[in-house]
């Protein structure tokens, strides 16, 4: 009788856990309110925490003297990656390699050449703004999936891919943008403004 009770309890816990994970993974994405944002605002493409902001960074795909914002995306954020502003996809470059632990100390100094990532380069539809996003896989997360191709256009807030169970985003801004977020800020996808375009 006691063994049967323990077995029933174990099955119940496993079933409850499975249902909870299923609901979490396939939950509906929240509709984003973009009405109060300026057209020049560059919003966070995913929810997470800003772990570093660095200036005068070079990027092979975007050039020199860029500003880099790193966002650690947690397990519990929505999986969707969203357009930070009305833009067109200029190019996508992907590379296989290592995973990067999202809260590792390496995250502040790491060279991305050895890490698995995709770099999405966006250009503003109504401006000359160039913007880069590098999506880095976390060993405790899933591999990202993109649903865009070069030449595609998207409105601010549109989902362009998925990052299951989080990872790290590297945001690259040209010098015609002004950063208005700070290290340690918790940002919400398409609701928190990272920077504003001077163009």
Protein backbone atom coordinates (compact mmCIF):
# COMPACT_ATOMS: atom_id res chain seq x y z
CA UNK A 1 0.00 0.00 0.00
CA UNK A 2 2.78 2.43 0.93
CA UNK A 3 4.75 1.58 -2.25
CA UNK A 4 1.61 2.12 -4.37
CA UNK A 5 1.02 5.52 -2.71
CA UNK A 6 4.62 6.62 -3.42
CA UNK A 7 4.35 5.45 -7.03
CA UNK A 8 1.09 7.37 -7.51
CA UNK A 9 2.61 10.48 -5.97
CA UNK A 10 5.66 10.22 -8.26
CA UNK A 11 3.47 9.86 -11.36
CA UNK A 12 1.40 12.87 -10.27
CA UNK A 13 4.50 15.05 -9.80
CA UNK A 14 5.90 14.01 -13.18
CA UNK A 15 2.57 14.69 -14.90
CA UNK A 16 2.21 18.09 -13.24
CA UNK A 17 5.78 19.02 -14.23
CA UNK A 18 5.19 17.95 -17.84
CA UNK A 19 1.97 19.98 -18.09
CA UNK A 20 3.67 23.04 -16.55
CA UNK A 21 6.61 22.83 -18.99
CA UNK A 22 4.23 22.32 -21.93
CA UNK A 23 2.17 25.40 -20.99
CA UNK A 24 5.35 27.46 -20.46
CA UNK A 25 6.92 26.50 -23.80
CA UNK A 26 3.77 26.95 -25.86
CA UNK A 27 2.29 29.93 -24.02
CA UNK A 28 0.86 32.73 -26.13
CA UNK A 29 3.14 35.65 -26.83
CA UNK A 30 2.00 38.89 -25.28
CA UNK A 31 0.81 41.60 -27.61
CA UNK A 32 3.24 44.51 -27.45
CA UNK A 33 2.05 48.11 -27.07
CA UNK A 34 4.12 50.23 -29.46
CA UNK A 35 1.88 53.30 -29.68
CA UNK A 36 3.81 55.43 -27.17
CA UNK A 37 7.21 54.91 -28.82
CA UNK A 38 8.91 57.41 -31.10
CA UNK A 39 9.72 56.21 -34.62
CA UNK A 40 13.44 56.80 -33.90
CA UNK A 41 13.43 54.69 -30.72
CA UNK A 42 15.42 51.44 -30.88
CA UNK A 43 13.78 48.92 -28.56
CA UNK A 44 15.05 45.73 -26.95
CA UNK A 45 14.63 42.72 -29.29
CA UNK A 46 14.27 40.39 -26.28
CA UNK A 47 13.66 40.61 -22.55
CA UNK A 48 16.67 40.30 -20.28
CA UNK A 49 19.34 42.14 -18.28
CA UNK A 50 21.96 44.50 -19.68
CA UNK A 51 25.33 43.16 -18.55
CA UNK A 52 27.68 45.49 -20.41
CA UNK A 53 27.82 48.59 -22.61
CA UNK A 54 31.08 49.19 -24.46
CA UNK A 55 32.13 51.87 -26.93
CA UNK A 56 34.67 51.93 -29.77
CA UNK A 57 34.08 48.27 -30.63
CA UNK A 58 34.93 46.83 -34.05
CA UNK A 59 32.68 44.36 -35.84
CA UNK A 60 33.67 42.63 -39.08
CA UNK A 61 30.16 42.93 -40.48
CA UNK A 62 29.37 46.53 -39.44
CA UNK A 63 32.67 48.37 -39.23
CA UNK A 64 34.60 50.27 -36.56
CA UNK A 65 33.85 52.52 -33.58
CA UNK A 66 30.54 50.90 -32.68
CA UNK A 67 28.67 50.80 -29.40
CA UNK A 68 28.02 47.28 -28.10
CA UNK A 69 25.18 46.44 -25.69
CA UNK A 70 25.06 42.90 -24.26
CA UNK A 71 21.79 41.47 -22.99
CA UNK A 72 21.60 38.22 -21.00
CA UNK A 73 18.25 36.58 -21.80
CA UNK A 74 16.95 34.38 -19.00
CA UNK A 75 15.25 30.97 -19.09
CA UNK A 76 11.90 32.53 -18.29
CA UNK A 77 11.73 35.16 -21.04
CA UNK A 78 9.52 34.74 -24.08
CA UNK A 79 11.34 32.82 -26.78
CA UNK A 80 10.59 35.33 -29.56
CA UNK A 81 13.23 37.66 -31.03
CA UNK A 82 11.65 40.90 -32.22
CA UNK A 83 12.52 43.67 -34.65
CA UNK A 84 14.01 46.64 -32.72
CA UNK A 85 12.73 49.19 -35.27
CA UNK A 86 11.14 49.32 -38.74
CA UNK A 87 13.89 47.80 -40.81
CA UNK A 88 15.08 45.65 -43.70
CA UNK A 89 17.39 42.65 -43.34
CA UNK A 90 20.65 43.52 -45.09
CA UNK A 91 22.52 40.31 -44.33
CA UNK A 92 22.68 37.26 -42.06
CA UNK A 93 25.95 35.51 -41.19
CA UNK A 94 25.97 32.28 -39.15
CA UNK A 95 28.86 30.39 -37.57
CA UNK A 96 29.11 27.14 -35.65
CA UNK A 97 31.20 26.90 -32.50
CA UNK A 98 31.09 26.90 -28.71
CA UNK A 99 28.23 27.92 -26.42
CA UNK A 100 28.53 30.84 -23.99
CA UNK A 101 27.13 30.70 -20.45
CA UNK A 102 24.93 33.78 -20.23
CA UNK A 103 26.14 35.01 -16.80
CA UNK A 104 29.76 33.90 -17.16
CA UNK A 105 32.52 36.42 -16.45
CA UNK A 106 33.75 35.63 -19.93
CA UNK A 107 30.62 37.32 -21.22
CA UNK A 108 32.22 40.73 -20.60
CA UNK A 109 35.46 40.14 -22.48
CA UNK A 110 34.90 37.21 -24.82
CA UNK A 111 35.96 37.25 -28.47
CA UNK A 112 33.08 35.88 -30.51
CA UNK A 113 35.15 34.18 -33.19
CA UNK A 114 35.04 30.75 -31.50
CA UNK A 115 31.37 30.84 -30.50
CA UNK A 116 28.23 29.67 -32.26
CA UNK A 117 26.28 32.71 -33.37
CA UNK A 118 24.17 34.35 -36.03
CA UNK A 119 24.69 38.00 -36.93
CA UNK A 120 21.66 39.84 -38.32
CA UNK A 121 22.36 43.21 -39.95
CA UNK A 122 19.36 45.53 -40.21
CA UNK A 123 18.93 48.83 -42.04
CA UNK A 124 16.21 51.36 -41.22
CA UNK A 125 13.32 51.68 -43.67
CA UNK A 126 13.01 55.42 -43.10
CA UNK A 127 16.63 56.24 -42.23
CA UNK A 128 20.23 55.22 -42.89
CA UNK A 129 20.47 53.57 -39.47
CA UNK A 130 22.50 50.34 -39.46
CA UNK A 131 22.04 47.92 -36.58
CA UNK A 132 23.55 44.52 -35.77
CA UNK A 133 22.32 41.70 -33.52
CA UNK A 134 24.47 38.69 -32.66
CA UNK A 135 22.59 35.80 -31.08
CA UNK A 136 24.79 33.53 -28.94
CA UNK A 137 23.68 30.08 -27.76
CA UNK A 138 23.85 29.26 -24.06
CA UNK A 139 24.78 25.67 -23.03
CA UNK A 140 21.69 25.71 -20.76
CA UNK A 141 19.44 26.86 -23.60
CA UNK A 142 18.40 25.75 -27.07
CA UNK A 143 19.78 26.69 -30.47
CA UNK A 144 18.25 29.82 -31.94
CA UNK A 145 16.10 29.69 -35.07
CA UNK A 146 15.67 32.58 -37.50
CA UNK A 147 12.65 33.05 -39.76
CA UNK A 148 14.02 35.81 -41.99
CA UNK A 149 16.14 36.12 -45.12
CA UNK A 150 18.17 39.01 -46.56
CA UNK A 151 15.78 41.46 -48.19
CA UNK A 152 12.90 40.81 -45.77
CA UNK A 153 11.26 43.85 -44.15
CA UNK A 154 9.69 43.98 -40.71
CA UNK A 155 7.83 46.42 -38.49
CA UNK A 156 9.04 47.25 -35.00
CA UNK A 157 8.00 44.41 -32.68
CA UNK A 158 7.60 41.75 -35.41
CA UNK A 159 8.98 38.32 -34.44
CA UNK A 160 11.92 37.31 -36.65
CA UNK A 161 13.16 34.24 -34.76
CA UNK A 162 13.31 32.29 -31.51
CA UNK A 163 15.86 31.78 -28.73
CA UNK A 164 14.62 28.82 -26.62
CA UNK A 165 15.46 29.16 -22.92
CA UNK A 166 17.58 32.25 -23.47
CA UNK A 167 21.18 33.09 -24.21
CA UNK A 168 23.10 36.30 -24.93
CA UNK A 169 22.36 39.06 -27.43
CA UNK A 170 25.08 41.41 -28.65
CA UNK A 171 23.61 44.65 -30.00
CA UNK A 172 25.80 46.84 -32.25
CA UNK A 173 24.96 50.48 -32.92
CA UNK A 174 26.62 52.94 -35.27
CA UNK A 175 27.68 56.33 -33.93
CA UNK A 176 24.48 57.95 -35.22
CA UNK A 177 22.62 56.44 -32.23
CA UNK A 178 22.50 57.59 -28.60
CA UNK A 179 22.35 54.91 -25.89
CA UNK A 180 19.82 55.67 -23.14
CA UNK A 181 19.96 52.42 -21.13
CA UNK A 182 22.39 51.48 -18.34
CA UNK A 183 24.29 48.42 -17.14
CA UNK A 184 22.09 46.40 -14.79
CA UNK A 185 18.81 47.54 -16.36
CA UNK A 186 16.19 44.86 -16.89
CA UNK A 187 14.65 45.39 -20.31
CA UNK A 188 11.41 44.11 -21.78
CA UNK A 189 11.10 43.16 -25.45
CA UNK A 190 9.80 46.09 -27.56
CA UNK A 191 8.80 48.04 -24.43
CA UNK A 192 12.23 49.15 -23.19
CA UNK A 193 14.17 51.66 -25.30
CA UNK A 194 17.86 50.86 -25.71
CA UNK A 195 18.84 53.85 -27.82
CA UNK A 196 17.49 56.55 -30.07
CA UNK A 197 18.62 57.32 -33.59
CA UNK A 198 20.04 60.79 -34.30
CA UNK A 199 19.13 60.39 -37.96
